[in-house]
Full PDB file with SEQRES, HELIX, SHEET, SSBOND, CRYST1, ORIGX, SCALE, CONECT and MASTER records, all heavy atoms in Angstrom:
SEQRES   1 A   37  ILE PRO ASN GLY ARG TYR ILE VAL LYS ILE ASP GLU MET          
SEQRES   2 A   37  THR ALA PRO GLY ALA TYR LYS PRO ILE PHE THR SER GLU          
SEQRES   3 A   37  SER PHE GLU VAL LYS ASN GLY ILE ILE ALA GLN                  
SHEET    1 AA1 2 GLY A   4  TYR A   6  0                                        
SHEET    2 AA1 2 PHE A  28  VAL A  30 -1                                        
SHEET    1 AA2 2 LYS A   9  ALA A  15  0                                        
SHEET    2 AA2 2 ALA A  18  THR A  24 -1                                        
CRYST1    1.000    1.000    1.000  90.00  90.00  90.00 P 1           1          
ORIGX1      1.000000  0.000000  0.000000        0.00000                         
ORIGX2      0.000000  1.000000  0.000000        0.00000                         
ORIGX3      0.000000  0.000000  1.000000        0.00000                         
SCALE1      1.000000  0.000000  0.000000        0.00000                         
SCALE2      0.000000  1.000000  0.000000        0.00000                         
SCALE3      0.000000  0.000000  1.000000        0.00000                         
ATOM      1  N   ILE A   1      10.317   3.802  -3.875  1.00  0.00           N  
ATOM      2  CA  ILE A   1       9.817   3.161  -5.047  1.00  0.00           C  
ATOM      3  C   ILE A   1      10.067   4.067  -6.360  1.00  0.00           C  
ATOM      4  O   ILE A   1       9.979   5.320  -6.234  1.00  0.00           O  
ATOM      5  CB  ILE A   1       8.320   2.785  -4.829  1.00  0.00           C  
ATOM      6  CG1 ILE A   1       7.893   1.818  -5.913  1.00  0.00           C  
ATOM      7  CG2 ILE A   1       7.403   4.012  -4.899  1.00  0.00           C  
ATOM      8  CD1 ILE A   1       6.759   0.907  -5.439  1.00  0.00           C  
ATOM      9  N   PRO A   2      10.263   3.524  -7.526  1.00  0.00           N  
ATOM     10  CA  PRO A   2      10.368   4.290  -8.722  1.00  0.00           C  
ATOM     11  C   PRO A   2       9.085   5.154  -8.989  1.00  0.00           C  
ATOM     12  O   PRO A   2       7.976   4.657  -8.678  1.00  0.00           O  
ATOM     13  CB  PRO A   2      10.602   3.342  -9.856  1.00  0.00           C  
ATOM     14  CG  PRO A   2      11.036   2.031  -9.133  1.00  0.00           C  
ATOM     15  CD  PRO A   2      10.444   2.014  -7.827  1.00  0.00           C  
ATOM     16  N   ASN A   3       9.208   6.225  -9.624  1.00  0.00           N  
ATOM     17  CA  ASN A   3       8.120   7.066  -9.957  1.00  0.00           C  
ATOM     18  C   ASN A   3       7.133   6.281 -10.929  1.00  0.00           C  
ATOM     19  O   ASN A   3       7.691   5.482 -11.664  1.00  0.00           O  
ATOM     20  CB  ASN A   3       8.558   8.321 -10.654  1.00  0.00           C  
ATOM     21  CG  ASN A   3       9.294   9.214  -9.737  1.00  0.00           C  
ATOM     22  OD1 ASN A   3       9.259   9.201  -8.441  1.00  0.00           O  
ATOM     23  ND2 ASN A   3      10.035  10.153 -10.228  1.00  0.00           N  
ATOM     24  N   GLY A   4       5.928   6.569 -10.782  1.00  0.00           N  
ATOM     25  CA  GLY A   4       4.871   5.878 -11.622  1.00  0.00           C  
ATOM     26  C   GLY A   4       3.619   5.877 -10.915  1.00  0.00           C  
ATOM     27  O   GLY A   4       3.303   6.545  -9.922  1.00  0.00           O  
ATOM     28  N   ARG A   5       2.623   5.108 -11.549  1.00  0.00           N  
ATOM     29  CA  ARG A   5       1.294   4.966 -10.936  1.00  0.00           C  
ATOM     30  C   ARG A   5       1.157   3.669 -10.198  1.00  0.00           C  
ATOM     31  O   ARG A   5       1.608   2.542 -10.729  1.00  0.00           O  
ATOM     32  CB  ARG A   5       0.200   5.104 -11.948  1.00  0.00           C  
ATOM     33  CG  ARG A   5       0.228   6.492 -12.657  1.00  0.00           C  
ATOM     34  CD  ARG A   5      -1.199   6.728 -13.263  1.00  0.00           C  
ATOM     35  NE  ARG A   5      -2.319   6.726 -12.391  1.00  0.00           N  
ATOM     36  CZ  ARG A   5      -2.585   7.844 -11.561  1.00  0.00           C  
ATOM     37  NH1 ARG A   5      -1.749   8.885 -11.495  1.00  0.00           N  
ATOM     38  NH2 ARG A   5      -3.758   7.688 -10.755  1.00  0.00           N  
ATOM     39  N   TYR A   6       0.568   3.671  -8.967  1.00  0.00           N  
ATOM     40  CA  TYR A   6       0.471   2.437  -8.035  1.00  0.00           C  
ATOM     41  C   TYR A   6      -0.850   2.330  -7.356  1.00  0.00           C  
ATOM     42  O   TYR A   6      -1.511   3.376  -7.284  1.00  0.00           O  
ATOM     43  CB  TYR A   6       1.651   2.441  -7.031  1.00  0.00           C  
ATOM     44  CG  TYR A   6       3.048   2.512  -7.728  1.00  0.00           C  
ATOM     45  CD1 TYR A   6       3.815   3.545  -7.915  1.00  0.00           C  
ATOM     46  CD2 TYR A   6       3.574   1.251  -8.014  1.00  0.00           C  
ATOM     47  CE1 TYR A   6       5.008   3.589  -8.481  1.00  0.00           C  
ATOM     48  CE2 TYR A   6       4.881   1.240  -8.556  1.00  0.00           C  
ATOM     49  CZ  TYR A   6       5.549   2.395  -8.762  1.00  0.00           C  
ATOM     50  OH  TYR A   6       6.878   2.252  -9.394  1.00  0.00           O  
ATOM     51  N   ILE A   7      -1.122   1.224  -6.771  1.00  0.00           N  
ATOM     52  CA  ILE A   7      -2.234   1.060  -5.870  1.00  0.00           C  
ATOM     53  C   ILE A   7      -1.498   0.362  -4.660  1.00  0.00           C  
ATOM     54  O   ILE A   7      -0.478  -0.224  -4.805  1.00  0.00           O  
ATOM     55  CB  ILE A   7      -3.438   0.277  -6.400  1.00  0.00           C  
ATOM     56  CG1 ILE A   7      -2.922  -1.191  -6.734  1.00  0.00           C  
ATOM     57  CG2 ILE A   7      -4.032   0.893  -7.637  1.00  0.00           C  
ATOM     58  CD1 ILE A   7      -4.069  -2.139  -6.896  1.00  0.00           C  
ATOM     59  N   VAL A   8      -2.142   0.537  -3.526  1.00  0.00           N  
ATOM     60  CA  VAL A   8      -1.586  -0.088  -2.301  1.00  0.00           C  
ATOM     61  C   VAL A   8      -2.743  -1.017  -1.684  1.00  0.00           C  
ATOM     62  O   VAL A   8      -3.907  -0.537  -1.646  1.00  0.00           O  
ATOM     63  CB  VAL A   8      -1.288   0.947  -1.355  1.00  0.00           C  
ATOM     64  CG1 VAL A   8      -1.114   0.455   0.075  1.00  0.00           C  
ATOM     65  CG2 VAL A   8      -0.037   1.592  -1.723  1.00  0.00           C  
ATOM     66  N   LYS A   9      -2.396  -2.110  -1.234  1.00  0.00           N  
ATOM     67  CA  LYS A   9      -3.271  -2.984  -0.501  1.00  0.00           C  
ATOM     68  C   LYS A   9      -2.646  -3.196   0.959  1.00  0.00           C  
ATOM     69  O   LYS A   9      -1.393  -3.379   1.020  1.00  0.00           O  
ATOM     70  CB  LYS A   9      -3.407  -4.454  -1.133  1.00  0.00           C  
ATOM     71  CG  LYS A   9      -4.013  -4.198  -2.531  1.00  0.00           C  
ATOM     72  CD  LYS A   9      -4.211  -5.593  -3.120  1.00  0.00           C  
ATOM     73  CE  LYS A   9      -4.896  -5.518  -4.461  1.00  0.00           C  
ATOM     74  NZ  LYS A   9      -5.204  -6.847  -5.163  1.00  0.00           N  
ATOM     75  N   ILE A  10      -3.506  -3.035   1.959  1.00  0.00           N  
ATOM     76  CA  ILE A  10      -3.140  -3.121   3.289  1.00  0.00           C  
ATOM     77  C   ILE A  10      -3.661  -4.376   3.945  1.00  0.00           C  
ATOM     78  O   ILE A  10      -4.864  -4.526   3.901  1.00  0.00           O  
ATOM     79  CB  ILE A  10      -3.413  -1.819   4.046  1.00  0.00           C  
ATOM     80  CG1 ILE A  10      -2.679  -0.635   3.398  1.00  0.00           C  
ATOM     81  CG2 ILE A  10      -3.078  -1.969   5.530  1.00  0.00           C  
ATOM     82  CD1 ILE A  10      -3.083   0.695   3.938  1.00  0.00           C  
ATOM     83  N   ASP A  11      -2.840  -5.059   4.645  1.00  0.00           N  
ATOM     84  CA  ASP A  11      -3.258  -6.257   5.380  1.00  0.00           C  
ATOM     85  C   ASP A  11      -3.077  -6.022   6.896  1.00  0.00           C  
ATOM     86  O   ASP A  11      -1.994  -5.484   7.283  1.00  0.00           O  
ATOM     87  CB  ASP A  11      -2.417  -7.579   5.063  1.00  0.00           C  
ATOM     88  CG  ASP A  11      -2.633  -7.846   3.640  1.00  0.00           C  
ATOM     89  OD1 ASP A  11      -3.550  -7.408   2.949  1.00  0.00           O  
ATOM     90  OD2 ASP A  11      -1.710  -8.625   3.152  1.00  0.00           O  
ATOM     91  N   GLU A  12      -4.059  -6.227   7.679  1.00  0.00           N  
ATOM     92  CA  GLU A  12      -4.022  -5.992   9.211  1.00  0.00           C  
ATOM     93  C   GLU A  12      -3.545  -7.364   9.825  1.00  0.00           C  
ATOM     94  O   GLU A  12      -3.984  -8.513   9.549  1.00  0.00           O  
ATOM     95  CB  GLU A  12      -5.383  -5.647   9.672  1.00  0.00           C  
ATOM     96  CG  GLU A  12      -5.432  -5.443  11.105  1.00  0.00           C  
ATOM     97  CD  GLU A  12      -6.790  -5.058  11.561  1.00  0.00           C  
ATOM     98  OE1 GLU A  12      -7.863  -5.378  10.919  1.00  0.00           O  
ATOM     99  OE2 GLU A  12      -6.972  -4.383  12.640  1.00  0.00           O  
ATOM    100  N   MET A  13      -2.739  -7.196  10.825  1.00  0.00           N  
ATOM    101  CA  MET A  13      -2.270  -8.495  11.576  1.00  0.00           C  
ATOM    102  C   MET A  13      -3.423  -8.761  12.522  1.00  0.00           C  
ATOM    103  O   MET A  13      -3.925  -7.929  13.404  1.00  0.00           O  
ATOM    104  CB  MET A  13      -1.035  -8.094  12.401  1.00  0.00           C  
ATOM    105  CG  MET A  13      -0.525  -9.339  13.121  1.00  0.00           C  
ATOM    106  SD  MET A  13       1.204  -9.176  13.659  1.00  0.00           S  
ATOM    107  CE  MET A  13       0.947  -8.078  15.001  1.00  0.00           C  
ATOM    108  N   THR A  14      -3.949 -10.029  12.486  1.00  0.00           N  
ATOM    109  CA  THR A  14      -5.042 -10.446  13.319  1.00  0.00           C  
ATOM    110  C   THR A  14      -4.527 -11.291  14.531  1.00  0.00           C  
ATOM    111  O   THR A  14      -5.145 -11.375  15.507  1.00  0.00           O  
ATOM    112  CB  THR A  14      -6.058 -11.227  12.512  1.00  0.00           C  
ATOM    113  OG1 THR A  14      -5.434 -12.323  11.878  1.00  0.00           O  
ATOM    114  CG2 THR A  14      -6.701 -10.419  11.415  1.00  0.00           C  
ATOM    115  N   ALA A  15      -3.437 -11.985  14.328  1.00  0.00           N  
ATOM    116  CA  ALA A  15      -2.679 -12.744  15.290  1.00  0.00           C  
ATOM    117  C   ALA A  15      -1.177 -12.834  14.764  1.00  0.00           C  
ATOM    118  O   ALA A  15      -0.969 -12.527  13.701  1.00  0.00           O  
ATOM    119  CB  ALA A  15      -3.270 -14.150  15.440  1.00  0.00           C  
ATOM    120  N   PRO A  16      -0.347 -13.090  15.766  1.00  0.00           N  
ATOM    121  CA  PRO A  16       1.024 -13.405  15.362  1.00  0.00           C  
ATOM    122  C   PRO A  16       1.222 -14.310  14.092  1.00  0.00           C  
ATOM    123  O   PRO A  16       0.763 -15.437  14.133  1.00  0.00           O  
ATOM    124  CB  PRO A  16       1.733 -13.908  16.445  1.00  0.00           C  
ATOM    125  CG  PRO A  16       1.007 -13.471  17.673  1.00  0.00           C  
ATOM    126  CD  PRO A  16      -0.488 -13.467  17.112  1.00  0.00           C  
ATOM    127  N   GLY A  17       1.686 -13.706  12.940  1.00  0.00           N  
ATOM    128  CA  GLY A  17       1.868 -14.455  11.694  1.00  0.00           C  
ATOM    129  C   GLY A  17       0.580 -14.546  10.897  1.00  0.00           C  
ATOM    130  O   GLY A  17       0.605 -15.165   9.807  1.00  0.00           O  
ATOM    131  N   ALA A  18      -0.533 -13.967  11.274  1.00  0.00           N  
ATOM    132  CA  ALA A  18      -1.822 -14.145  10.591  1.00  0.00           C  
ATOM    133  C   ALA A  18      -2.299 -12.694  10.173  1.00  0.00           C  
ATOM    134  O   ALA A  18      -2.405 -11.745  10.968  1.00  0.00           O  
ATOM    135  CB  ALA A  18      -2.893 -14.786  11.385  1.00  0.00           C  
ATOM    136  N   TYR A  19      -2.655 -12.457   8.864  1.00  0.00           N  
ATOM    137  CA  TYR A  19      -2.998 -11.261   8.297  1.00  0.00           C  
ATOM    138  C   TYR A  19      -4.218 -11.395   7.475  1.00  0.00           C  
ATOM    139  O   TYR A  19      -4.584 -12.415   6.975  1.00  0.00           O  
ATOM    140  CB  TYR A  19      -1.921 -10.602   7.389  1.00  0.00           C  
ATOM    141  CG  TYR A  19      -0.587 -10.283   8.148  1.00  0.00           C  
ATOM    142  CD1 TYR A  19       0.281 -11.211   8.453  1.00  0.00           C  
ATOM    143  CD2 TYR A  19      -0.569  -8.915   8.588  1.00  0.00           C  
ATOM    144  CE1 TYR A  19       1.453 -10.788   9.222  1.00  0.00           C  
ATOM    145  CE2 TYR A  19       0.621  -8.574   9.377  1.00  0.00           C  
ATOM    146  CZ  TYR A  19       1.661  -9.462   9.598  1.00  0.00           C  
ATOM    147  OH  TYR A  19       2.752  -9.075  10.395  1.00  0.00           O  
ATOM    148  N   LYS A  20      -5.156 -10.253   7.492  1.00  0.00           N  
ATOM    149  CA  LYS A  20      -6.281 -10.251   6.549  1.00  0.00           C  
ATOM    150  C   LYS A  20      -6.293  -8.879   5.887  1.00  0.00           C  
ATOM    151  O   LYS A  20      -5.930  -7.983   6.350  1.00  0.00           O  
ATOM    152  CB  LYS A  20      -7.511 -10.505   7.300  1.00  0.00           C  
ATOM    153  CG  LYS A  20      -7.927  -9.372   8.297  1.00  0.00           C  
ATOM    154  CD  LYS A  20      -9.250  -9.498   8.903  1.00  0.00           C  
ATOM    155  CE  LYS A  20      -9.615  -8.261   9.720  1.00  0.00           C  
ATOM    156  NZ  LYS A  20     -10.880  -8.382  10.249  1.00  0.00           N  
ATOM    157  N   PRO A  21      -6.724  -8.957   4.576  1.00  0.00           N  
ATOM    158  CA  PRO A  21      -6.797  -7.776   3.693  1.00  0.00           C  
ATOM    159  C   PRO A  21      -7.853  -6.890   4.272  1.00  0.00           C  
ATOM    160  O   PRO A  21      -9.022  -7.359   4.545  1.00  0.00           O  
ATOM    161  CB  PRO A  21      -6.998  -8.260   2.328  1.00  0.00           C  
ATOM    162  CG  PRO A  21      -7.421  -9.683   2.439  1.00  0.00           C  
ATOM    163  CD  PRO A  21      -7.009 -10.214   3.774  1.00  0.00           C  
ATOM    164  N   ILE A  22      -7.625  -5.548   4.333  1.00  0.00           N  
ATOM    165  CA  ILE A  22      -8.618  -4.679   4.907  1.00  0.00           C  
ATOM    166  C   ILE A  22      -8.854  -3.375   4.035  1.00  0.00           C  
ATOM    167  O   ILE A  22      -9.764  -2.646   4.310  1.00  0.00           O  
ATOM    168  CB  ILE A  22      -8.311  -4.214   6.322  1.00  0.00           C  
ATOM    169  CG1 ILE A  22      -7.042  -3.456   6.408  1.00  0.00           C  
ATOM    170  CG2 ILE A  22      -8.426  -5.403   7.255  1.00  0.00           C  
ATOM    171  CD1 ILE A  22      -6.797  -2.710   7.816  1.00  0.00           C  
ATOM    172  N   PHE A  23      -7.874  -3.090   3.105  1.00  0.00           N  
ATOM    173  CA  PHE A  23      -7.997  -1.902   2.378  1.00  0.00           C  
ATOM    174  C   PHE A  23      -7.207  -2.017   1.040  1.00  0.00           C  
ATOM    175  O   PHE A  23      -6.207  -2.650   0.920  1.00  0.00           O  
ATOM    176  CB  PHE A  23      -7.263  -0.783   3.083  1.00  0.00           C  
ATOM    177  CG  PHE A  23      -7.164   0.523   2.493  1.00  0.00           C  
ATOM    178  CD1 PHE A  23      -8.370   1.324   2.431  1.00  0.00           C  
ATOM    179  CD2 PHE A  23      -6.121   1.023   1.900  1.00  0.00           C  
ATOM    180  CE1 PHE A  23      -8.229   2.594   1.882  1.00  0.00           C  
ATOM    181  CE2 PHE A  23      -5.979   2.225   1.266  1.00  0.00           C  
ATOM    182  CZ  PHE A  23      -7.070   3.041   1.214  1.00  0.00           C  
ATOM    183  N   THR A  24      -7.794  -1.404  -0.009  1.00  0.00           N  
ATOM    184  CA  THR A  24      -7.239  -1.259  -1.335  1.00  0.00           C  
ATOM    185  C   THR A  24      -7.382   0.137  -1.861  1.00  0.00           C  
ATOM    186  O   THR A  24      -8.504   0.736  -1.834  1.00  0.00           O  
ATOM    187  CB  THR A  24      -7.882  -2.171  -2.378  1.00  0.00           C  
ATOM    188  OG1 THR A  24      -7.613  -3.556  -1.965  1.00  0.00           O  
ATOM    189  CG2 THR A  24      -7.216  -2.136  -3.800  1.00  0.00           C  
ATOM    190  N   SER A  25      -6.328   0.809  -2.142  1.00  0.00           N  
ATOM    191  CA  SER A  25      -6.389   2.339  -2.437  1.00  0.00           C  
ATOM    192  C   SER A  25      -6.786   2.394  -3.944  1.00  0.00           C  
ATOM    193  O   SER A  25      -6.749   1.488  -4.711  1.00  0.00           O  
ATOM    194  CB  SER A  25      -4.999   3.011  -2.264  1.00  0.00           C  
ATOM    195  OG  SER A  25      -4.110   2.629  -3.220  1.00  0.00           O  
ATOM    196  N   GLU A  26      -7.137   3.711  -4.229  1.00  0.00           N  
ATOM    197  CA  GLU A  26      -7.270   4.041  -5.602  1.00  0.00           C  
ATOM    198  C   GLU A  26      -5.931   4.283  -6.123  1.00  0.00           C  
ATOM    199  O   GLU A  26      -4.883   4.332  -5.448  1.00  0.00           O  
ATOM    200  CB  GLU A  26      -8.029   5.381  -5.735  1.00  0.00           C  
ATOM    201  CG  GLU A  26      -9.424   5.400  -5.179  1.00  0.00           C  
ATOM    202  CD  GLU A  26     -10.420   4.508  -6.026  1.00  0.00           C  
ATOM    203  OE1 GLU A  26     -10.245   4.500  -7.203  1.00  0.00           O  
ATOM    204  OE2 GLU A  26     -11.242   3.762  -5.437  1.00  0.00           O  
ATOM    205  N   SER A  27      -5.760   4.339  -7.499  1.00  0.00           N  
ATOM    206  CA  SER A  27      -4.572   4.482  -8.204  1.00  0.00           C  
ATOM    207  C   SER A  27      -3.974   5.857  -7.896  1.00  0.00           C  
ATOM    208  O   SER A  27      -4.726   6.810  -7.802  1.00  0.00           O  
ATOM    209  CB  SER A  27      -4.792   4.427  -9.727  1.00  0.00           C  
ATOM    210  OG  SER A  27      -3.667   4.738 -10.340  1.00  0.00           O  
ATOM    211  N   PHE A  28      -2.671   6.043  -7.580  1.00  0.00           N  
ATOM    212  CA  PHE A  28      -2.129   7.221  -7.305  1.00  0.00           C  
ATOM    213  C   PHE A  28      -0.741   7.481  -7.969  1.00  0.00           C  
ATOM    214  O   PHE A  28      -0.142   6.447  -8.255  1.00  0.00           O  
ATOM    215  CB  PHE A  28      -2.012   7.566  -5.821  1.00  0.00           C  
ATOM    216  CG  PHE A  28      -1.113   6.542  -5.022  1.00  0.00           C  
ATOM    217  CD1 PHE A  28       0.164   6.819  -4.815  1.00  0.00           C  
ATOM    218  CD2 PHE A  28      -1.729   5.365  -4.678  1.00  0.00           C  
ATOM    219  CE1 PHE A  28       0.978   5.868  -4.137  1.00  0.00           C  
ATOM    220  CE2 PHE A  28      -0.953   4.407  -3.893  1.00  0.00           C  
ATOM    221  CZ  PHE A  28       0.407   4.664  -3.733  1.00  0.00           C  
ATOM    222  N   GLU A  29      -0.201   8.613  -8.040  1.00  0.00           N  
ATOM    223  CA  GLU A  29       1.043   8.986  -8.741  1.00  0.00           C  
ATOM    224  C   GLU A  29       2.121   9.091  -7.665  1.00  0.00           C  
ATOM    225  O   GLU A  29       2.003   9.882  -6.766  1.00  0.00           O  
ATOM    226  CB  GLU A  29       0.909  10.137  -9.586  1.00  0.00           C  
ATOM    227  CG  GLU A  29       2.056  10.481 -10.497  1.00  0.00           C  
ATOM    228  CD  GLU A  29       2.160   9.678 -11.679  1.00  0.00           C  
ATOM    229  OE1 GLU A  29       1.170   9.181 -12.075  1.00  0.00           O  
ATOM    230  OE2 GLU A  29       3.269   9.607 -12.131  1.00  0.00           O  
ATOM    231  N   VAL A  30       3.263   8.447  -7.994  1.00  0.00           N  
ATOM    232  CA  VAL A  30       4.515   8.709  -7.109  1.00  0.00           C  
ATOM    233  C   VAL A  30       5.442   9.511  -7.977  1.00  0.00           C  
ATOM    234  O   VAL A  30       5.748   9.171  -9.096  1.00  0.00           O  
ATOM    235  CB  VAL A  30       5.226   7.432  -6.698  1.00  0.00           C  
ATOM    236  CG1 VAL A  30       6.466   7.596  -6.081  1.00  0.00           C  
ATOM    237  CG2 VAL A  30       4.320   6.544  -5.782  1.00  0.00           C  
ATOM    238  N   LYS A  31       5.726  10.615  -7.432  1.00  0.00           N  
ATOM    239  CA  LYS A  31       6.629  11.647  -8.163  1.00  0.00           C  
ATOM    240  C   LYS A  31       8.077  11.807  -7.572  1.00  0.00           C  
ATOM    241  O   LYS A  31       9.004  12.168  -8.390  1.00  0.00           O  
ATOM    242  CB  LYS A  31       5.926  12.874  -8.226  1.00  0.00           C  
ATOM    243  CG  LYS A  31       4.701  13.047  -9.028  1.00  0.00           C  
ATOM    244  CD  LYS A  31       4.022  14.316  -9.070  1.00  0.00           C  
ATOM    245  CE  LYS A  31       2.798  14.222  -9.913  1.00  0.00           C  
ATOM    246  NZ  LYS A  31       2.020  15.627 -10.004  1.00  0.00           N  
ATOM    247  N   ASN A  32       8.267  11.540  -6.292  1.00  0.00           N  
ATOM    248  CA  ASN A  32       9.579  11.859  -5.727  1.00  0.00           C  
ATOM    249  C   ASN A  32      10.180  10.465  -5.323  1.00  0.00           C  
ATOM    250  O   ASN A  32      11.159  10.659  -4.414  1.00  0.00           O  
ATOM    251  CB  ASN A  32       9.379  12.782  -4.530  1.00  0.00           C  
ATOM    252  CG  ASN A  32       8.948  14.120  -5.001  1.00  0.00           C  
ATOM    253  OD1 ASN A  32       9.278  14.568  -6.024  1.00  0.00           O  
ATOM    254  ND2 ASN A  32       8.029  14.782  -4.100  1.00  0.00           N  
ATOM    255  N   GLY A  33       9.712   9.473  -5.794  1.00  0.00           N  
ATOM    256  CA  GLY A  33      10.431   8.121  -5.462  1.00  0.00           C  
ATOM    257  C   GLY A  33      10.061   7.682  -4.025  1.00  0.00           C  
ATOM    258  O   GLY A  33      10.790   6.748  -3.593  1.00  0.00           O  
ATOM    259  N   ILE A  34       9.066   8.131  -3.426  1.00  0.00           N  
ATOM    260  CA  ILE A  34       8.703   7.708  -2.064  1.00  0.00           C  
ATOM    261  C   ILE A  34       7.248   7.821  -1.826  1.00  0.00           C  
ATOM    262  O   ILE A  34       6.546   8.673  -2.369  1.00  0.00           O  
ATOM    263  CB  ILE A  34       9.412   8.558  -0.983  1.00  0.00           C  
ATOM    264  CG1 ILE A  34       9.094   8.027   0.468  1.00  0.00           C  
ATOM    265  CG2 ILE A  34       8.971  10.056  -1.058  1.00  0.00           C  
ATOM    266  CD1 ILE A  34      10.056   8.648   1.415  1.00  0.00           C  
ATOM    267  N   ILE A  35       6.738   6.776  -1.154  1.00  0.00           N  
ATOM    268  CA  ILE A  35       5.348   6.794  -0.725  1.00  0.00           C  
ATOM    269  C   ILE A  35       5.195   7.413   0.676  1.00  0.00           C  
ATOM    270  O   ILE A  35       5.601   6.793   1.649  1.00  0.00           O  
ATOM    271  CB  ILE A  35       4.634   5.363  -0.770  1.00  0.00           C  
ATOM    272  CG1 ILE A  35       4.674   4.746  -2.139  1.00  0.00           C  
ATOM    273  CG2 ILE A  35       3.232   5.452  -0.319  1.00  0.00           C  
ATOM    274  CD1 ILE A  35       4.259   3.371  -2.358  1.00  0.00           C  
ATOM    275  N   ALA A  36       4.757   8.658   0.707  1.00  0.00           N  
ATOM    276  CA  ALA A  36       4.634   9.303   2.083  1.00  0.00           C  
ATOM    277  C   ALA A  36       3.305   9.754   2.281  1.00  0.00           C  
ATOM    278  O   ALA A  36       3.136  10.841   2.896  1.00  0.00           O  
ATOM    279  CB  ALA A  36       5.606  10.441   2.101  1.00  0.00           C  
ATOM    280  N   GLN A  37       2.289   8.924   2.012  1.00  0.00           N  
ATOM    281  CA  GLN A  37       0.899   9.195   2.247  1.00  0.00           C  
ATOM    282  C   GLN A  37       0.467   8.754   3.435  1.00  0.00           C  
ATOM    283  O   GLN A  37       0.965   7.728   4.140  1.00  0.00           O  
ATOM    284  CB  GLN A  37       0.078   8.587   1.099  1.00  0.00           C  
ATOM    285  CG  GLN A  37       0.284   9.231  -0.352  1.00  0.00           C  
ATOM    286  CD  GLN A  37      -0.481   8.545  -1.323  1.00  0.00           C  
ATOM    287  OE1 GLN A  37       0.023   7.758  -2.106  1.00  0.00           O  
ATOM    288  NE2 GLN A  37      -1.815   8.870  -1.465  1.00  0.00           N  
TER     289      GLN A  37                                                      
MASTER        0    0    0    0    4    0    0    6  288    1    0    3          
END                                                                             
């Protein structure tokens, strides 16, 4: 991903093809063009 400030939202698979939101991160800085957290 390009460098900048981002947030991440994670959806968990509950059944094949069905997902529910379970997590939203705080804002963080990407400096090397990759999210490796």
